[in-house]
Full PDB file with SEQRES, HELIX, SHEET, SSBOND, CRYST1, ORIGX, SCALE, CONECT and MASTER records, all heavy atoms in Angstrom:
SEQRES   1 A   37  THR ASN ALA VAL GLY ASP LEU GLN LEU SER SER ALA ALA          
SEQRES   2 A   37  VAL GLY GLN ASP SER GLN SER SER VAL ALA ALA ILE PRO          
SEQRES   3 A   37  GLU ASP GLY PRO ILE ASP ILE GLU SER GLY ASN                  
HELIX    1 AA1 SER A   11  VAL A   14  1                                   4    
CRYST1    1.000    1.000    1.000  90.00  90.00  90.00 P 1           1          
ORIGX1      1.000000  0.000000  0.000000        0.00000                         
ORIGX2      0.000000  1.000000  0.000000        0.00000                         
ORIGX3      0.000000  0.000000  1.000000        0.00000                         
SCALE1      1.000000  0.000000  0.000000        0.00000                         
SCALE2      0.000000  1.000000  0.000000        0.00000                         
SCALE3      0.000000  0.000000  1.000000        0.00000                         
ATOM      1  N   THR A   1      -2.418  18.106   9.385  1.00  0.00           N  
ATOM      2  CA  THR A   1      -3.767  18.665   9.513  1.00  0.00           C  
ATOM      3  C   THR A   1      -4.540  17.920  10.578  1.00  0.00           C  
ATOM      4  O   THR A   1      -4.495  16.663  10.668  1.00  0.00           O  
ATOM      5  CB  THR A   1      -4.472  18.691   8.220  1.00  0.00           C  
ATOM      6  OG1 THR A   1      -3.581  19.307   7.267  1.00  0.00           O  
ATOM      7  CG2 THR A   1      -5.764  19.408   8.274  1.00  0.00           C  
ATOM      8  N   ASN A   2      -5.332  18.572  11.381  1.00  0.00           N  
ATOM      9  CA  ASN A   2      -6.168  17.919  12.407  1.00  0.00           C  
ATOM     10  C   ASN A   2      -7.164  16.955  11.856  1.00  0.00           C  
ATOM     11  O   ASN A   2      -7.536  15.907  12.468  1.00  0.00           O  
ATOM     12  CB  ASN A   2      -6.926  18.940  13.185  1.00  0.00           C  
ATOM     13  CG  ASN A   2      -6.011  19.797  14.105  1.00  0.00           C  
ATOM     14  OD1 ASN A   2      -4.971  19.363  14.469  1.00  0.00           O  
ATOM     15  ND2 ASN A   2      -6.473  21.016  14.439  1.00  0.00           N  
ATOM     16  N   ALA A   3      -7.542  17.105  10.576  1.00  0.00           N  
ATOM     17  CA  ALA A   3      -8.487  16.201   9.987  1.00  0.00           C  
ATOM     18  C   ALA A   3      -7.861  14.913   9.558  1.00  0.00           C  
ATOM     19  O   ALA A   3      -8.561  13.968   9.231  1.00  0.00           O  
ATOM     20  CB  ALA A   3      -9.155  16.907   8.745  1.00  0.00           C  
ATOM     21  N   VAL A   4      -6.632  14.845   9.627  1.00  0.00           N  
ATOM     22  CA  VAL A   4      -5.883  13.650   9.173  1.00  0.00           C  
ATOM     23  C   VAL A   4      -5.525  12.763  10.321  1.00  0.00           C  
ATOM     24  O   VAL A   4      -5.038  13.269  11.301  1.00  0.00           O  
ATOM     25  CB  VAL A   4      -4.657  13.929   8.289  1.00  0.00           C  
ATOM     26  CG1 VAL A   4      -3.844  12.752   7.926  1.00  0.00           C  
ATOM     27  CG2 VAL A   4      -4.953  14.744   7.028  1.00  0.00           C  
ATOM     28  N   GLY A   5      -5.770  11.404  10.173  1.00  0.00           N  
ATOM     29  CA  GLY A   5      -5.488  10.509  11.249  1.00  0.00           C  
ATOM     30  C   GLY A   5      -4.063  10.317  11.434  1.00  0.00           C  
ATOM     31  O   GLY A   5      -3.133  10.832  10.668  1.00  0.00           O  
ATOM     32  N   ASP A   6      -3.656   9.664  12.572  1.00  0.00           N  
ATOM     33  CA  ASP A   6      -2.260   9.371  12.868  1.00  0.00           C  
ATOM     34  C   ASP A   6      -1.587   8.529  11.831  1.00  0.00           C  
ATOM     35  O   ASP A   6      -2.226   7.830  11.071  1.00  0.00           O  
ATOM     36  CB  ASP A   6      -2.119   8.724  14.205  1.00  0.00           C  
ATOM     37  CG  ASP A   6      -2.631   9.670  15.388  1.00  0.00           C  
ATOM     38  OD1 ASP A   6      -2.572  10.947  15.161  1.00  0.00           O  
ATOM     39  OD2 ASP A   6      -3.027   9.121  16.359  1.00  0.00           O  
ATOM     40  N   LEU A   7      -0.262   8.611  11.774  1.00  0.00           N  
ATOM     41  CA  LEU A   7       0.513   7.711  10.938  1.00  0.00           C  
ATOM     42  C   LEU A   7       0.235   6.265  11.220  1.00  0.00           C  
ATOM     43  O   LEU A   7       0.255   5.884  12.365  1.00  0.00           O  
ATOM     44  CB  LEU A   7       1.983   8.045  11.156  1.00  0.00           C  
ATOM     45  CG  LEU A   7       2.997   7.063  10.346  1.00  0.00           C  
ATOM     46  CD1 LEU A   7       2.913   7.376   8.813  1.00  0.00           C  
ATOM     47  CD2 LEU A   7       4.408   7.349  10.890  1.00  0.00           C  
ATOM     48  N   GLN A   8       0.045   5.460  10.158  1.00  0.00           N  
ATOM     49  CA  GLN A   8      -0.239   4.042  10.315  1.00  0.00           C  
ATOM     50  C   GLN A   8       0.920   3.318   9.766  1.00  0.00           C  
ATOM     51  O   GLN A   8       1.161   3.221   8.519  1.00  0.00           O  
ATOM     52  CB  GLN A   8      -1.521   3.631   9.538  1.00  0.00           C  
ATOM     53  CG  GLN A   8      -2.744   4.355  10.002  1.00  0.00           C  
ATOM     54  CD  GLN A   8      -3.108   4.103  11.424  1.00  0.00           C  
ATOM     55  OE1 GLN A   8      -2.893   2.938  11.937  1.00  0.00           O  
ATOM     56  NE2 GLN A   8      -3.706   5.059  12.207  1.00  0.00           N  
ATOM     57  N   LEU A   9       1.740   2.622  10.621  1.00  0.00           N  
ATOM     58  CA  LEU A   9       2.844   1.785  10.176  1.00  0.00           C  
ATOM     59  C   LEU A   9       2.790   0.397  10.902  1.00  0.00           C  
ATOM     60  O   LEU A   9       3.673   0.030  11.568  1.00  0.00           O  
ATOM     61  CB  LEU A   9       4.169   2.484  10.536  1.00  0.00           C  
ATOM     62  CG  LEU A   9       4.622   3.703   9.678  1.00  0.00           C  
ATOM     63  CD1 LEU A   9       6.051   4.157  10.141  1.00  0.00           C  
ATOM     64  CD2 LEU A   9       4.643   3.393   8.251  1.00  0.00           C  
ATOM     65  N   SER A  10       1.674  -0.218  10.727  1.00  0.00           N  
ATOM     66  CA  SER A  10       1.503  -1.553  11.275  1.00  0.00           C  
ATOM     67  C   SER A  10       0.784  -2.503  10.337  1.00  0.00           C  
ATOM     68  O   SER A  10       0.027  -1.962   9.454  1.00  0.00           O  
ATOM     69  CB  SER A  10       0.665  -1.492  12.585  1.00  0.00           C  
ATOM     70  OG  SER A  10      -0.656  -1.175  12.313  1.00  0.00           O  
ATOM     71  N   SER A  11       1.086  -3.707  10.409  1.00  0.00           N  
ATOM     72  CA  SER A  11       0.442  -4.691   9.402  1.00  0.00           C  
ATOM     73  C   SER A  11      -1.043  -4.715   9.681  1.00  0.00           C  
ATOM     74  O   SER A  11      -1.763  -4.922   8.669  1.00  0.00           O  
ATOM     75  CB  SER A  11       1.050  -6.119   9.707  1.00  0.00           C  
ATOM     76  OG  SER A  11       0.946  -6.511  11.090  1.00  0.00           O  
ATOM     77  N   ALA A  12      -1.561  -4.529  10.893  1.00  0.00           N  
ATOM     78  CA  ALA A  12      -2.933  -4.471  11.156  1.00  0.00           C  
ATOM     79  C   ALA A  12      -3.674  -3.368  10.471  1.00  0.00           C  
ATOM     80  O   ALA A  12      -4.756  -3.511   9.918  1.00  0.00           O  
ATOM     81  CB  ALA A  12      -3.268  -4.456  12.690  1.00  0.00           C  
ATOM     82  N   ALA A  13      -3.011  -2.154  10.478  1.00  0.00           N  
ATOM     83  CA  ALA A  13      -3.702  -0.972   9.909  1.00  0.00           C  
ATOM     84  C   ALA A  13      -3.481  -0.928   8.370  1.00  0.00           C  
ATOM     85  O   ALA A  13      -4.354  -0.455   7.633  1.00  0.00           O  
ATOM     86  CB  ALA A  13      -3.111   0.293  10.520  1.00  0.00           C  
ATOM     87  N   VAL A  14      -2.255  -1.323   7.914  1.00  0.00           N  
ATOM     88  CA  VAL A  14      -1.932  -1.119   6.441  1.00  0.00           C  
ATOM     89  C   VAL A  14      -2.120  -2.411   5.708  1.00  0.00           C  
ATOM     90  O   VAL A  14      -2.654  -2.411   4.530  1.00  0.00           O  
ATOM     91  CB  VAL A  14      -0.437  -0.634   6.290  1.00  0.00           C  
ATOM     92  CG1 VAL A  14      -0.074  -0.586   4.863  1.00  0.00           C  
ATOM     93  CG2 VAL A  14      -0.278   0.695   7.012  1.00  0.00           C  
ATOM     94  N   GLY A  15      -1.688  -3.484   6.189  1.00  0.00           N  
ATOM     95  CA  GLY A  15      -1.702  -4.813   5.395  1.00  0.00           C  
ATOM     96  C   GLY A  15      -3.036  -5.406   5.361  1.00  0.00           C  
ATOM     97  O   GLY A  15      -3.301  -6.417   5.933  1.00  0.00           O  
ATOM     98  N   GLN A  16      -3.992  -4.763   4.640  1.00  0.00           N  
ATOM     99  CA  GLN A  16      -5.362  -5.268   4.433  1.00  0.00           C  
ATOM    100  C   GLN A  16      -5.505  -5.550   2.925  1.00  0.00           C  
ATOM    101  O   GLN A  16      -4.800  -5.021   2.100  1.00  0.00           O  
ATOM    102  CB  GLN A  16      -6.330  -4.275   4.890  1.00  0.00           C  
ATOM    103  CG  GLN A  16      -6.192  -3.894   6.417  1.00  0.00           C  
ATOM    104  CD  GLN A  16      -7.050  -2.762   6.847  1.00  0.00           C  
ATOM    105  OE1 GLN A  16      -7.916  -2.306   6.106  1.00  0.00           O  
ATOM    106  NE2 GLN A  16      -6.869  -2.309   8.050  1.00  0.00           N  
ATOM    107  N   ASP A  17      -6.512  -6.351   2.638  1.00  0.00           N  
ATOM    108  CA  ASP A  17      -6.910  -6.595   1.252  1.00  0.00           C  
ATOM    109  C   ASP A  17      -7.294  -5.376   0.560  1.00  0.00           C  
ATOM    110  O   ASP A  17      -8.244  -4.728   0.949  1.00  0.00           O  
ATOM    111  CB  ASP A  17      -7.979  -7.647   1.141  1.00  0.00           C  
ATOM    112  CG  ASP A  17      -8.356  -8.000  -0.274  1.00  0.00           C  
ATOM    113  OD1 ASP A  17      -7.622  -7.605  -1.245  1.00  0.00           O  
ATOM    114  OD2 ASP A  17      -9.327  -8.744  -0.513  1.00  0.00           O  
ATOM    115  N   SER A  18      -6.596  -4.910  -0.478  1.00  0.00           N  
ATOM    116  CA  SER A  18      -6.914  -3.673  -1.128  1.00  0.00           C  
ATOM    117  C   SER A  18      -7.987  -3.777  -2.102  1.00  0.00           C  
ATOM    118  O   SER A  18      -8.488  -2.853  -2.690  1.00  0.00           O  
ATOM    119  CB  SER A  18      -5.644  -3.180  -1.954  1.00  0.00           C  
ATOM    120  OG  SER A  18      -5.364  -4.039  -2.967  1.00  0.00           O  
ATOM    121  N   GLN A  19      -8.430  -5.062  -2.520  1.00  0.00           N  
ATOM    122  CA  GLN A  19      -9.522  -5.290  -3.418  1.00  0.00           C  
ATOM    123  C   GLN A  19      -9.225  -4.579  -4.778  1.00  0.00           C  
ATOM    124  O   GLN A  19     -10.117  -4.095  -5.426  1.00  0.00           O  
ATOM    125  CB  GLN A  19     -10.871  -4.792  -2.884  1.00  0.00           C  
ATOM    126  CG  GLN A  19     -11.282  -5.451  -1.588  1.00  0.00           C  
ATOM    127  CD  GLN A  19     -12.661  -4.972  -1.084  1.00  0.00           C  
ATOM    128  OE1 GLN A  19     -13.459  -4.532  -1.826  1.00  0.00           O  
ATOM    129  NE2 GLN A  19     -12.962  -5.110   0.115  1.00  0.00           N  
ATOM    130  N   SER A  20      -7.944  -4.536  -5.112  1.00  0.00           N  
ATOM    131  CA  SER A  20      -7.504  -3.948  -6.368  1.00  0.00           C  
ATOM    132  C   SER A  20      -7.127  -4.965  -7.312  1.00  0.00           C  
ATOM    133  O   SER A  20      -6.648  -6.028  -7.078  1.00  0.00           O  
ATOM    134  CB  SER A  20      -6.304  -3.046  -6.099  1.00  0.00           C  
ATOM    135  OG  SER A  20      -5.848  -2.518  -7.304  1.00  0.00           O  
ATOM    136  N   SER A  21      -7.509  -4.655  -8.578  1.00  0.00           N  
ATOM    137  CA  SER A  21      -7.114  -5.553  -9.694  1.00  0.00           C  
ATOM    138  C   SER A  21      -5.695  -5.242 -10.196  1.00  0.00           C  
ATOM    139  O   SER A  21      -5.266  -5.901 -11.151  1.00  0.00           O  
ATOM    140  CB  SER A  21      -8.146  -5.369 -10.855  1.00  0.00           C  
ATOM    141  OG  SER A  21      -8.080  -4.107 -11.383  1.00  0.00           O  
ATOM    142  N   VAL A  22      -5.071  -4.331  -9.590  1.00  0.00           N  
ATOM    143  CA  VAL A  22      -3.742  -3.976 -10.119  1.00  0.00           C  
ATOM    144  C   VAL A  22      -2.716  -5.048  -9.704  1.00  0.00           C  
ATOM    145  O   VAL A  22      -2.756  -5.505  -8.548  1.00  0.00           O  
ATOM    146  CB  VAL A  22      -3.276  -2.673  -9.415  1.00  0.00           C  
ATOM    147  CG1 VAL A  22      -1.821  -2.296  -9.815  1.00  0.00           C  
ATOM    148  CG2 VAL A  22      -4.212  -1.518  -9.895  1.00  0.00           C  
ATOM    149  N   ALA A  23      -1.972  -5.498 -10.619  1.00  0.00           N  
ATOM    150  CA  ALA A  23      -0.947  -6.478 -10.298  1.00  0.00           C  
ATOM    151  C   ALA A  23       0.108  -5.796  -9.397  1.00  0.00           C  
ATOM    152  O   ALA A  23       0.654  -4.774  -9.804  1.00  0.00           O  
ATOM    153  CB  ALA A  23      -0.271  -7.026 -11.591  1.00  0.00           C  
ATOM    154  N   ALA A  24       0.362  -6.353  -8.243  1.00  0.00           N  
ATOM    155  CA  ALA A  24       1.082  -5.676  -7.201  1.00  0.00           C  
ATOM    156  C   ALA A  24       2.585  -5.835  -7.441  1.00  0.00           C  
ATOM    157  O   ALA A  24       3.210  -5.007  -8.223  1.00  0.00           O  
ATOM    158  CB  ALA A  24       0.736  -6.123  -5.843  1.00  0.00           C  
ATOM    159  N   ILE A  25       3.250  -6.780  -6.936  1.00  0.00           N  
ATOM    160  CA  ILE A  25       4.639  -6.939  -7.013  1.00  0.00           C  
ATOM    161  C   ILE A  25       5.114  -8.033  -7.929  1.00  0.00           C  
ATOM    162  O   ILE A  25       4.593  -9.224  -7.818  1.00  0.00           O  
ATOM    163  CB  ILE A  25       5.283  -7.226  -5.547  1.00  0.00           C  
ATOM    164  CG1 ILE A  25       4.814  -6.096  -4.568  1.00  0.00           C  
ATOM    165  CG2 ILE A  25       6.702  -7.417  -5.554  1.00  0.00           C  
ATOM    166  CD1 ILE A  25       5.271  -6.319  -3.184  1.00  0.00           C  
ATOM    167  N   PRO A  26       6.025  -7.825  -8.868  1.00  0.00           N  
ATOM    168  CA  PRO A  26       6.556  -8.883  -9.772  1.00  0.00           C  
ATOM    169  C   PRO A  26       7.302  -9.870  -8.961  1.00  0.00           C  
ATOM    170  O   PRO A  26       7.805  -9.656  -7.820  1.00  0.00           O  
ATOM    171  CB  PRO A  26       7.387  -8.037 -10.775  1.00  0.00           C  
ATOM    172  CG  PRO A  26       7.730  -6.817  -9.985  1.00  0.00           C  
ATOM    173  CD  PRO A  26       6.585  -6.453  -9.110  1.00  0.00           C  
ATOM    174  N   GLU A  27       7.512 -11.003  -9.602  1.00  0.00           N  
ATOM    175  CA  GLU A  27       8.236 -12.124  -8.880  1.00  0.00           C  
ATOM    176  C   GLU A  27       9.595 -11.789  -8.569  1.00  0.00           C  
ATOM    177  O   GLU A  27      10.198 -12.254  -7.641  1.00  0.00           O  
ATOM    178  CB  GLU A  27       8.164 -13.340  -9.806  1.00  0.00           C  
ATOM    179  CG  GLU A  27       6.754 -14.035  -9.884  1.00  0.00           C  
ATOM    180  CD  GLU A  27       6.330 -14.494  -8.561  1.00  0.00           C  
ATOM    181  OE1 GLU A  27       7.089 -14.993  -7.722  1.00  0.00           O  
ATOM    182  OE2 GLU A  27       5.045 -14.317  -8.271  1.00  0.00           O  
ATOM    183  N   ASP A  28      10.335 -10.977  -9.476  1.00  0.00           N  
ATOM    184  CA  ASP A  28      11.677 -10.636  -9.274  1.00  0.00           C  
ATOM    185  C   ASP A  28      12.026  -9.186  -9.853  1.00  0.00           C  
ATOM    186  O   ASP A  28      11.148  -8.649 -10.382  1.00  0.00           O  
ATOM    187  CB  ASP A  28      12.689 -11.654  -9.826  1.00  0.00           C  
ATOM    188  CG  ASP A  28      12.367 -11.967 -11.267  1.00  0.00           C  
ATOM    189  OD1 ASP A  28      11.826 -11.037 -11.946  1.00  0.00           O  
ATOM    190  OD2 ASP A  28      12.649 -13.101 -11.733  1.00  0.00           O  
ATOM    191  N   GLY A  29      13.169  -8.750  -9.537  1.00  0.00           N  
ATOM    192  CA  GLY A  29      13.551  -7.443 -10.102  1.00  0.00           C  
ATOM    193  C   GLY A  29      13.128  -6.335  -9.101  1.00  0.00           C  
ATOM    194  O   GLY A  29      12.630  -6.574  -8.050  1.00  0.00           O  
ATOM    195  N   PRO A  30      13.378  -5.153  -9.463  1.00  0.00           N  
ATOM    196  CA  PRO A  30      13.023  -4.004  -8.629  1.00  0.00           C  
ATOM    197  C   PRO A  30      11.658  -3.716  -8.461  1.00  0.00           C  
ATOM    198  O   PRO A  30      10.794  -4.108  -9.307  1.00  0.00           O  
ATOM    199  CB  PRO A  30      13.740  -2.778  -9.317  1.00  0.00           C  
ATOM    200  CG  PRO A  30      13.857  -3.258 -10.760  1.00  0.00           C  
ATOM    201  CD  PRO A  30      14.022  -4.696 -10.726  1.00  0.00           C  
ATOM    202  N   ILE A  31      11.183  -3.202  -7.316  1.00  0.00           N  
ATOM    203  CA  ILE A  31       9.814  -2.932  -7.023  1.00  0.00           C  
ATOM    204  C   ILE A  31       9.563  -1.430  -7.182  1.00  0.00           C  
ATOM    205  O   ILE A  31      10.183  -0.662  -6.324  1.00  0.00           O  
ATOM    206  CB  ILE A  31       9.405  -3.347  -5.526  1.00  0.00           C  
ATOM    207  CG1 ILE A  31       9.781  -4.853  -5.382  1.00  0.00           C  
ATOM    208  CG2 ILE A  31       8.006  -3.050  -5.278  1.00  0.00           C  
ATOM    209  CD1 ILE A  31       9.663  -5.400  -3.910  1.00  0.00           C  
ATOM    210  N   ASP A  32       8.846  -1.032  -8.231  1.00  0.00           N  
ATOM    211  CA  ASP A  32       8.594   0.369  -8.456  1.00  0.00           C  
ATOM    212  C   ASP A  32       7.190   0.721  -7.963  1.00  0.00           C  
ATOM    213  O   ASP A  32       6.226   0.232  -8.460  1.00  0.00           O  
ATOM    214  CB  ASP A  32       8.716   0.695  -9.901  1.00  0.00           C  
ATOM    215  CG  ASP A  32      10.133   0.545 -10.430  1.00  0.00           C  
ATOM    216  OD1 ASP A  32      11.054   0.928  -9.623  1.00  0.00           O  
ATOM    217  OD2 ASP A  32      10.339   0.111 -11.555  1.00  0.00           O  
ATOM    218  N   ILE A  33       7.131   1.565  -6.948  1.00  0.00           N  
ATOM    219  CA  ILE A  33       5.825   1.919  -6.345  1.00  0.00           C  
ATOM    220  C   ILE A  33       5.351   3.309  -6.832  1.00  0.00           C  
ATOM    221  O   ILE A  33       6.031   4.361  -6.691  1.00  0.00           O  
ATOM    222  CB  ILE A  33       5.900   2.003  -4.795  1.00  0.00           C  
ATOM    223  CG1 ILE A  33       6.489   0.636  -4.287  1.00  0.00           C  
ATOM    224  CG2 ILE A  33       4.607   2.222  -4.199  1.00  0.00           C  
ATOM    225  CD1 ILE A  33       6.673   0.652  -2.745  1.00  0.00           C  
ATOM    226  N   GLU A  34       4.241   3.273  -7.546  1.00  0.00           N  
ATOM    227  CA  GLU A  34       3.712   4.492  -8.212  1.00  0.00           C  
ATOM    228  C   GLU A  34       2.242   4.706  -7.611  1.00  0.00           C  
ATOM    229  O   GLU A  34       1.762   3.837  -6.782  1.00  0.00           O  
ATOM    230  CB  GLU A  34       3.598   4.346  -9.668  1.00  0.00           C  
ATOM    231  CG  GLU A  34       4.984   4.050 -10.298  1.00  0.00           C  
ATOM    232  CD  GLU A  34       4.814   3.755 -11.780  1.00  0.00           C  
ATOM    233  OE1 GLU A  34       3.680   3.474 -12.244  1.00  0.00           O  
ATOM    234  OE2 GLU A  34       5.898   3.843 -12.453  1.00  0.00           O  
ATOM    235  N   SER A  35       1.631   5.836  -7.922  1.00  0.00           N  
ATOM    236  CA  SER A  35       0.358   6.148  -7.374  1.00  0.00           C  
ATOM    237  C   SER A  35      -0.676   5.110  -7.626  1.00  0.00           C  
ATOM    238  O   SER A  35      -1.397   4.785  -6.773  1.00  0.00           O  
ATOM    239  CB  SER A  35      -0.113   7.507  -7.913  1.00  0.00           C  
ATOM    240  OG  SER A  35       0.633   8.543  -7.531  1.00  0.00           O  
ATOM    241  N   GLY A  36      -0.639   4.518  -8.838  1.00  0.00           N  
ATOM    242  CA  GLY A  36      -1.646   3.593  -9.201  1.00  0.00           C  
ATOM    243  C   GLY A  36      -1.500   2.204  -8.508  1.00  0.00           C  
ATOM    244  O   GLY A  36      -2.527   1.489  -8.403  1.00  0.00           O  
ATOM    245  N   ASN A  37      -0.270   1.862  -8.053  1.00  0.00           N  
ATOM    246  CA  ASN A  37      -0.149   0.663  -7.380  1.00  0.00           C  
ATOM    247  C   ASN A  37       0.275   0.699  -5.857  1.00  0.00           C  
ATOM    248  O   ASN A  37       0.663  -0.244  -5.275  1.00  0.00           O  
ATOM    249  CB  ASN A  37       0.798  -0.303  -8.182  1.00  0.00           C  
ATOM    250  CG  ASN A  37       2.210   0.309  -8.249  1.00  0.00           C  
ATOM    251  OD1 ASN A  37       2.521   1.155  -7.482  1.00  0.00           O  
ATOM    252  ND2 ASN A  37       3.056  -0.220  -9.130  1.00  0.00           N  
TER     253      ASN A  37                                                      
MASTER        0    0    0    1    0    0    0    6  252    1    0    3          
END                                                                             
């Protein structure tokens, strides 16, 4: 859609502080990515 910006696949664009209280990645084991995290 024209209203949506270009795909962002860079650390500068994506890798920012999310200011989220959600515990992100566990120390070990599989990484399950869901909508909330």
